Amino acid sequence: MATPNKNAKSQLFTVRVPHEVVSDMELLKDDGESNAGFIVTSMRGEIKRRQRKKAKETPES
């Protein structure tokens, strides 16, 4: 039976990434860092950036 795309701890994504983005990622990854580790760290940073931007745009009561 195939492995499901979602379990208790994570979800599997299949995406296409432009070659130049992959090349830049390879240049910037830390020694021993996996592609998944780099992508998850990047996603967390982008989520925080967007949350701050959204909070700044929302007027306080």
PDB file of N, CA and C in Angstrom:
ATOM      1  N   MET A   1       0.836  -1.169   0.000  1.00  0.00           N
ATOM      2  CA  MET A   1       0.000   0.000   0.000  1.00  0.00           C
ATOM      3  C   MET A   1       0.894   1.250   0.000  1.00  0.00           C
ATOM      4  N   ALA A   2       0.456   2.283  -0.716  1.00  0.00           N
ATOM      5  CA  ALA A   2       1.219   3.521  -0.819  1.00  0.00           C
ATOM      6  C   ALA A   2       1.203   4.289   0.498  1.00  0.00           C
ATOM      7  N   THR A   3       2.272   5.039   0.734  1.00  0.00           N
ATOM      8  CA  THR A   3       2.361   5.884   1.927  1.00  0.00           C
ATOM      9  C   THR A   3       1.454   7.095   1.738  1.00  0.00           C
ATOM     10  N   PRO A   4       0.626   7.423   2.736  1.00  0.00           N
ATOM     11  CA  PRO A   4      -0.248   8.592   2.584  1.00  0.00           C
ATOM     12  C   PRO A   4       0.562   9.892   2.548  1.00  0.00           C
ATOM     13  N   ASN A   5      -0.014  10.935   1.957  1.00  0.00           N
ATOM     14  CA  ASN A   5       0.664  12.223   1.843  1.00  0.00           C
ATOM     15  C   ASN A   5       0.630  13.045   3.122  1.00  0.00           C
ATOM     16  N   LYS A   6      -0.103  12.572   4.125  1.00  0.00           N
ATOM     17  CA  LYS A   6      -0.225  13.327   5.373  1.00  0.00           C
ATOM     18  C   LYS A   6      -0.204  12.352   6.534  1.00  0.00           C
ATOM     19  N   ASN A   7       0.565  12.695   7.579  1.00  0.00           N
ATOM     20  CA  ASN A   7       0.548  11.882   8.789  1.00  0.00           C
ATOM     21  C   ASN A   7       0.454  12.811   9.991  1.00  0.00           C
ATOM     22  N   ALA A   8       0.698  12.315  11.184  1.00  0.00           N
ATOM     23  CA  ALA A   8       0.524  13.109  12.399  1.00  0.00           C
ATOM     24  C   ALA A   8       1.522  14.260  12.516  1.00  0.00           C
ATOM     25  N   LYS A   9       2.676  14.159  11.845  1.00  0.00           N
ATOM     26  CA  LYS A   9       3.718  15.170  12.024  1.00  0.00           C
ATOM     27  C   LYS A   9       4.021  16.022  10.796  1.00  0.00           C
ATOM     28  N   SER A  10       3.655  15.549   9.622  1.00  0.00           N
ATOM     29  CA  SER A  10       4.037  16.304   8.428  1.00  0.00           C
ATOM     30  C   SER A  10       3.115  16.004   7.262  1.00  0.00           C
ATOM     31  N   GLN A  11       3.295  16.806   6.212  1.00  0.00           N
ATOM     32  CA  GLN A  11       2.528  16.634   4.987  1.00  0.00           C
ATOM     33  C   GLN A  11       3.495  16.668   3.817  1.00  0.00           C
ATOM     34  N   LEU A  12       3.287  15.803   2.854  1.00  0.00           N
ATOM     35  CA  LEU A  12       4.143  15.707   1.679  1.00  0.00           C
ATOM     36  C   LEU A  12       3.614  16.604   0.573  1.00  0.00           C
ATOM     37  N   PHE A  13       4.503  17.414  -0.019  1.00  0.00           N
ATOM     38  CA  PHE A  13       4.174  18.255  -1.160  1.00  0.00           C
ATOM     39  C   PHE A  13       5.031  17.822  -2.340  1.00  0.00           C
ATOM     40  N   THR A  14       4.467  17.869  -3.505  1.00  0.00           N
ATOM     41  CA  THR A  14       5.240  17.666  -4.726  1.00  0.00           C
ATOM     42  C   THR A  14       5.099  18.940  -5.538  1.00  0.00           C
ATOM     43  N   VAL A  15       6.211  19.616  -5.767  1.00  0.00           N
ATOM     44  CA  VAL A  15       6.177  20.895  -6.484  1.00  0.00           C
ATOM     45  C   VAL A  15       7.287  20.936  -7.518  1.00  0.00           C
ATOM     46  N   ARG A  16       7.102  21.779  -8.501  1.00  0.00           N
ATOM     47  CA  ARG A  16       8.151  22.053  -9.483  1.00  0.00           C
ATOM     48  C   ARG A  16       8.802  23.380  -9.101  1.00  0.00           C
ATOM     49  N   VAL A  17      10.123  23.411  -9.145  1.00  0.00           N
ATOM     50  CA  VAL A  17      10.869  24.598  -8.764  1.00  0.00           C
ATOM     51  C   VAL A  17      11.776  24.974  -9.928  1.00  0.00           C
ATOM     52  N   PRO A  18      11.817  26.255 -10.299  1.00  0.00           N
ATOM     53  CA  PRO A  18      12.706  26.657 -11.398  1.00  0.00           C
ATOM     54  C   PRO A  18      14.164  26.296 -11.102  1.00  0.00           C
ATOM     55  N   HIS A  19      14.884  25.933 -12.153  1.00  0.00           N
ATOM     56  CA  HIS A  19      16.281  25.502 -12.010  1.00  0.00           C
ATOM     57  C   HIS A  19      17.150  26.548 -11.305  1.00  0.00           C
ATOM     58  N   GLU A  20      16.934  27.827 -11.620  1.00  0.00           N
ATOM     59  CA  GLU A  20      17.772  28.863 -11.010  1.00  0.00           C
ATOM     60  C   GLU A  20      17.526  28.984  -9.515  1.00  0.00           C
ATOM     61  N   VAL A  21      16.302  28.709  -9.067  1.00  0.00           N
ATOM     62  CA  VAL A  21      15.998  28.746  -7.635  1.00  0.00           C
ATOM     63  C   VAL A  21      16.710  27.597  -6.929  1.00  0.00           C
ATOM     64  N   VAL A  22      16.692  26.419  -7.539  1.00  0.00           N
ATOM     65  CA  VAL A  22      17.379  25.263  -6.968  1.00  0.00           C
ATOM     66  C   VAL A  22      18.881  25.525  -6.902  1.00  0.00           C
ATOM     67  N   SER A  23      19.442  26.110  -7.961  1.00  0.00           N
ATOM     68  CA  SER A  23      20.879  26.424  -7.976  1.00  0.00           C
ATOM     69  C   SER A  23      21.237  27.395  -6.862  1.00  0.00           C
ATOM     70  N   ASP A  24      20.424  28.434  -6.685  1.00  0.00           N
ATOM     71  CA  ASP A  24      20.677  29.410  -5.615  1.00  0.00           C
ATOM     72  C   ASP A  24      20.559  28.762  -4.243  1.00  0.00           C
ATOM     73  N   MET A  25      19.581  27.869  -4.084  1.00  0.00           N
ATOM     74  CA  MET A  25      19.420  27.173  -2.817  1.00  0.00           C
ATOM     75  C   MET A  25      20.664  26.342  -2.509  1.00  0.00           C
ATOM     76  N   GLU A  26      21.161  25.621  -3.490  1.00  0.00           N
ATOM     77  CA  GLU A  26      22.349  24.787  -3.296  1.00  0.00           C
ATOM     78  C   GLU A  26      23.551  25.631  -2.873  1.00  0.00           C
ATOM     79  N   LEU A  27      23.667  26.827  -3.423  1.00  0.00           N
ATOM     80  CA  LEU A  27      24.776  27.714  -3.064  1.00  0.00           C
ATOM     81  C   LEU A  27      24.670  28.227  -1.630  1.00  0.00           C
ATOM     82  N   LEU A  28      23.455  28.369  -1.139  1.00  0.00           N
ATOM     83  CA  LEU A  28      23.246  29.011   0.156  1.00  0.00           C
ATOM     84  C   LEU A  28      23.005  28.053   1.322  1.00  0.00           C
ATOM     85  N   LYS A  29      22.755  26.784   1.042  1.00  0.00           N
ATOM     86  CA  LYS A  29      22.516  25.828   2.123  1.00  0.00           C
ATOM     87  C   LYS A  29      23.752  25.711   3.006  1.00  0.00           C
ATOM     88  N   ASP A  30      23.514  25.536   4.311  1.00  0.00           N
ATOM     89  CA  ASP A  30      24.609  25.296   5.248  1.00  0.00           C
ATOM     90  C   ASP A  30      25.149  23.887   5.042  1.00  0.00           C
ATOM     91  N   ASP A  31      26.392  23.656   5.479  1.00  0.00           N
ATOM     92  CA  ASP A  31      26.978  22.319   5.379  1.00  0.00           C
ATOM     93  C   ASP A  31      26.108  21.313   6.115  1.00  0.00           C
ATOM     94  N   GLY A  32      25.761  20.236   5.449  1.00  0.00           N
ATOM     95  CA  GLY A  32      24.964  19.188   6.060  1.00  0.00           C
ATOM     96  C   GLY A  32      23.471  19.457   6.086  1.00  0.00           C
ATOM     97  N   GLU A  33      23.050  20.627   5.640  1.00  0.00           N
ATOM     98  CA  GLU A  33      21.624  20.961   5.643  1.00  0.00           C
ATOM     99  C   GLU A  33      20.932  20.266   4.471  1.00  0.00           C
ATOM    100  N   SER A  34      19.789  19.684   4.738  1.00  0.00           N
ATOM    101  CA  SER A  34      19.034  19.016   3.675  1.00  0.00           C
ATOM    102  C   SER A  34      18.194  20.040   2.905  1.00  0.00           C
ATOM    103  N   ASN A  35      17.762  19.625   1.724  1.00  0.00           N
ATOM    104  CA  ASN A  35      16.848  20.476   0.958  1.00  0.00           C
ATOM    105  C   ASN A  35      15.580  20.738   1.759  1.00  0.00           C
ATOM    106  N   ALA A  36      15.052  19.695   2.393  1.00  0.00           N
ATOM    107  CA  ALA A  36      13.835  19.843   3.186  1.00  0.00           C
ATOM    108  C   ALA A  36      14.047  20.826   4.338  1.00  0.00           C
ATOM    109  N   GLY A  37      15.188  20.730   5.006  1.00  0.00           N
ATOM    110  CA  GLY A  37      15.487  21.652   6.105  1.00  0.00           C
ATOM    111  C   GLY A  37      15.547  23.088   5.639  1.00  0.00           C
ATOM    112  N   PHE A  38      16.188  23.313   4.506  1.00  0.00           N
ATOM    113  CA  PHE A  38      16.276  24.660   3.940  1.00  0.00           C
ATOM    114  C   PHE A  38      14.896  25.187   3.591  1.00  0.00           C
ATOM    115  N   ILE A  39      14.085  24.348   2.948  1.00  0.00           N
ATOM    116  CA  ILE A  39      12.750  24.765   2.515  1.00  0.00           C
ATOM    117  C   ILE A  39      11.852  25.055   3.710  1.00  0.00           C
ATOM    118  N   VAL A  40      11.880  24.206   4.735  1.00  0.00           N
ATOM    119  CA  VAL A  40      11.047  24.427   5.918  1.00  0.00           C
ATOM    120  C   VAL A  40      11.470  25.713   6.634  1.00  0.00           C
ATOM    121  N   THR A  41      12.766  25.935   6.774  1.00  0.00           N
ATOM    122  CA  THR A  41      13.255  27.168   7.406  1.00  0.00           C
ATOM    123  C   THR A  41      12.816  28.390   6.608  1.00  0.00           C
ATOM    124  N   SER A  42      12.904  28.292   5.292  1.00  0.00           N
ATOM    125  CA  SER A  42      12.482  29.390   4.421  1.00  0.00           C
ATOM    126  C   SER A  42      10.989  29.655   4.537  1.00  0.00           C
ATOM    127  N   MET A  43      10.202  28.597   4.571  1.00  0.00           N
ATOM    128  CA  MET A  43       8.754  28.754   4.701  1.00  0.00           C
ATOM    129  C   MET A  43       8.391  29.390   6.030  1.00  0.00           C
ATOM    130  N   ARG A  44       9.051  28.965   7.105  1.00  0.00           N
ATOM    131  CA  ARG A  44       8.771  29.559   8.429  1.00  0.00           C
ATOM    132  C   ARG A  44       9.099  31.056   8.422  1.00  0.00           C
ATOM    133  N   GLY A  45      10.220  31.416   7.819  1.00  0.00           N
ATOM    134  CA  GLY A  45      10.597  32.825   7.743  1.00  0.00           C
ATOM    135  C   GLY A  45       9.601  33.640   6.934  1.00  0.00           C
ATOM    136  N   GLU A  46       9.134  33.099   5.836  1.00  0.00           N
ATOM    137  CA  GLU A  46       8.158  33.804   5.000  1.00  0.00           C
ATOM    138  C   GLU A  46       6.816  33.923   5.713  1.00  0.00           C
ATOM    139  N   ILE A  47       6.411  32.900   6.438  1.00  0.00           N
ATOM    140  CA  ILE A  47       5.160  32.956   7.205  1.00  0.00           C
ATOM    141  C   ILE A  47       5.237  34.081   8.242  1.00  0.00           C
ATOM    142  N   LYS A  48       6.348  34.154   8.978  1.00  0.00           N
ATOM    143  CA  LYS A  48       6.516  35.207   9.989  1.00  0.00           C
ATOM    144  C   LYS A  48       6.502  36.587   9.348  1.00  0.00           C
ATOM    145  N   ARG A  49       7.179  36.727   8.214  1.00  0.00           N
ATOM    146  CA  ARG A  49       7.231  38.018   7.521  1.00  0.00           C
ATOM    147  C   ARG A  49       5.831  38.462   7.115  1.00  0.00           C
ATOM    148  N   ARG A  50       5.056  37.544   6.567  1.00  0.00           N
ATOM    149  CA  ARG A  50       3.701  37.885   6.129  1.00  0.00           C
ATOM    150  C   ARG A  50       2.768  38.157   7.306  1.00  0.00           C
ATOM    151  N   GLN A  51       2.954  37.429   8.407  1.00  0.00           N
ATOM    152  CA  GLN A  51       2.142  37.692   9.595  1.00  0.00           C
ATOM    153  C   GLN A  51       2.421  39.089  10.138  1.00  0.00           C
ATOM    154  N   ARG A  52       3.698  39.488  10.173  1.00  0.00           N
ATOM    155  CA  ARG A  52       4.048  40.839  10.635  1.00  0.00           C
ATOM    156  C   ARG A  52       3.459  41.890   9.709  1.00  0.00           C
ATOM    157  N   LYS A  53       3.535  41.655   8.410  1.00  0.00           N
ATOM    158  CA  LYS A  53       3.004  42.598   7.429  1.00  0.00           C
ATOM    159  C   LYS A  53       1.492  42.740   7.592  1.00  0.00           C
ATOM    160  N   LYS A  54       0.813  41.605   7.768  1.00  0.00           N
ATOM    161  CA  LYS A  54      -0.636  41.618   7.925  1.00  0.00           C
ATOM    162  C   LYS A  54      -1.039  42.340   9.213  1.00  0.00           C
ATOM    163  N   ALA A  55      -0.308  42.091  10.302  1.00  0.00           N
ATOM    164  CA  ALA A  55      -0.599  42.740  11.575  1.00  0.00           C
ATOM    165  C   ALA A  55      -0.393  44.255  11.479  1.00  0.00           C
ATOM    166  N   LYS A  56       0.606  44.646  10.713  1.00  0.00           N
ATOM    167  CA  LYS A  56       0.901  46.072  10.541  1.00  0.00           C
ATOM    168  C   LYS A  56      -0.202  46.759   9.733  1.00  0.00           C
ATOM    169  N   GLU A  57      -0.772  46.028   8.769  1.00  0.00           N
ATOM    170  CA  GLU A  57      -1.829  46.596   7.916  1.00  0.00           C
ATOM    171  C   GLU A  57      -3.171  46.649   8.619  1.00  0.00           C
ATOM    172  N   THR A  58      -3.395  45.780   9.614  1.00  0.00           N
ATOM    173  CA  THR A  58      -4.661  45.722  10.323  1.00  0.00           C
ATOM    174  C   THR A  58      -4.686  46.800  11.399  1.00  0.00           C
ATOM    175  N   PRO A  59      -5.640  47.723  11.328  1.00  0.00           N
ATOM    176  CA  PRO A  59      -5.699  48.763  12.369  1.00  0.00           C
ATOM    177  C   PRO A  59      -6.091  48.169  13.718  1.00  0.00           C
ATOM    178  N   GLU A  60      -5.444  48.672  14.773  1.00  0.00           N
ATOM    179  CA  GLU A  60      -5.745  48.205  16.123  1.00  0.00           C
ATOM    180  C   GLU A  60      -7.024  48.843  16.623  1.00  0.00           C
ATOM    181  N   SER A  61      -7.761  48.126  17.464  1.00  0.00           N
ATOM    182  CA  SER A  61      -9.026  48.643  18.004  1.00  0.00           C
ATOM    183  C   SER A  61      -8.783  49.603  19.137  1.00  0.00           C
TER     184      SER A  61
END
